[in-house]
Amino acid sequence: MNKQAIHIYCDGGYEAHNDTGGWAYIIYQRKTKPPQSIKRLSSSDYRELKRNSGWQKHTSSLEMELQAAHQALLAIQTSKEIPTDITLFTDSRIIIEGLEQKYSIWQTNNWQVKSGKTVVYKELWQALANLTNELNVHWQWVKAHSGIHGNVVVDELATQARLDKKLYIA
């Protein structure tokens, strides 16, 4: 185990007119003690370890948000040294609420929602919950389009992947 502090930013997006979505994540290693406000972070506070993005047809915004987080945590899981201090920042309240409040209810109700339908993207939710538990991930909501550097970058990467219809790995 590696005691380094890791911050992950992830985002997903969808464009209805062409039924195409994009997702992205960036993994940073924190070099300094975090400031009081996440907006005060500068590039000197972090070292970028990895970024990745991709696109998909016939999808949704939620699926792309889930995919971004899932791909980021898979990258951590397969790294040589797994960090012990992981915070994942997302602008998707749905993911955080799903994992922290609804997941156990879905399990109890045999993966059915109140209407009797199966939970959408059940397999992605399960994979994400398993990785969250295995890696002891702390989830943190950030407001979208509010100038938070990591969130701005992944939003741009997800949009670019969707527009270019390409997978980017760096």
Foldseek 3Di string as FASTA:
>chain_A
DAAWAKEKEKAKAADVVQQKIKIKMWIWTAPDDDDPDLLPDDPVRTDTDKMKMAMDGNDHRVVRRLVNLLVVLVVLVPDPDRHQHYEYEYQDPPLVCCLPPVVVVCVVVVQADPVRDHPPPVVSNVSSNVSCVVNVYHYDYDHAPPNNVRNVVRVVVRVVNRVVRDIDID
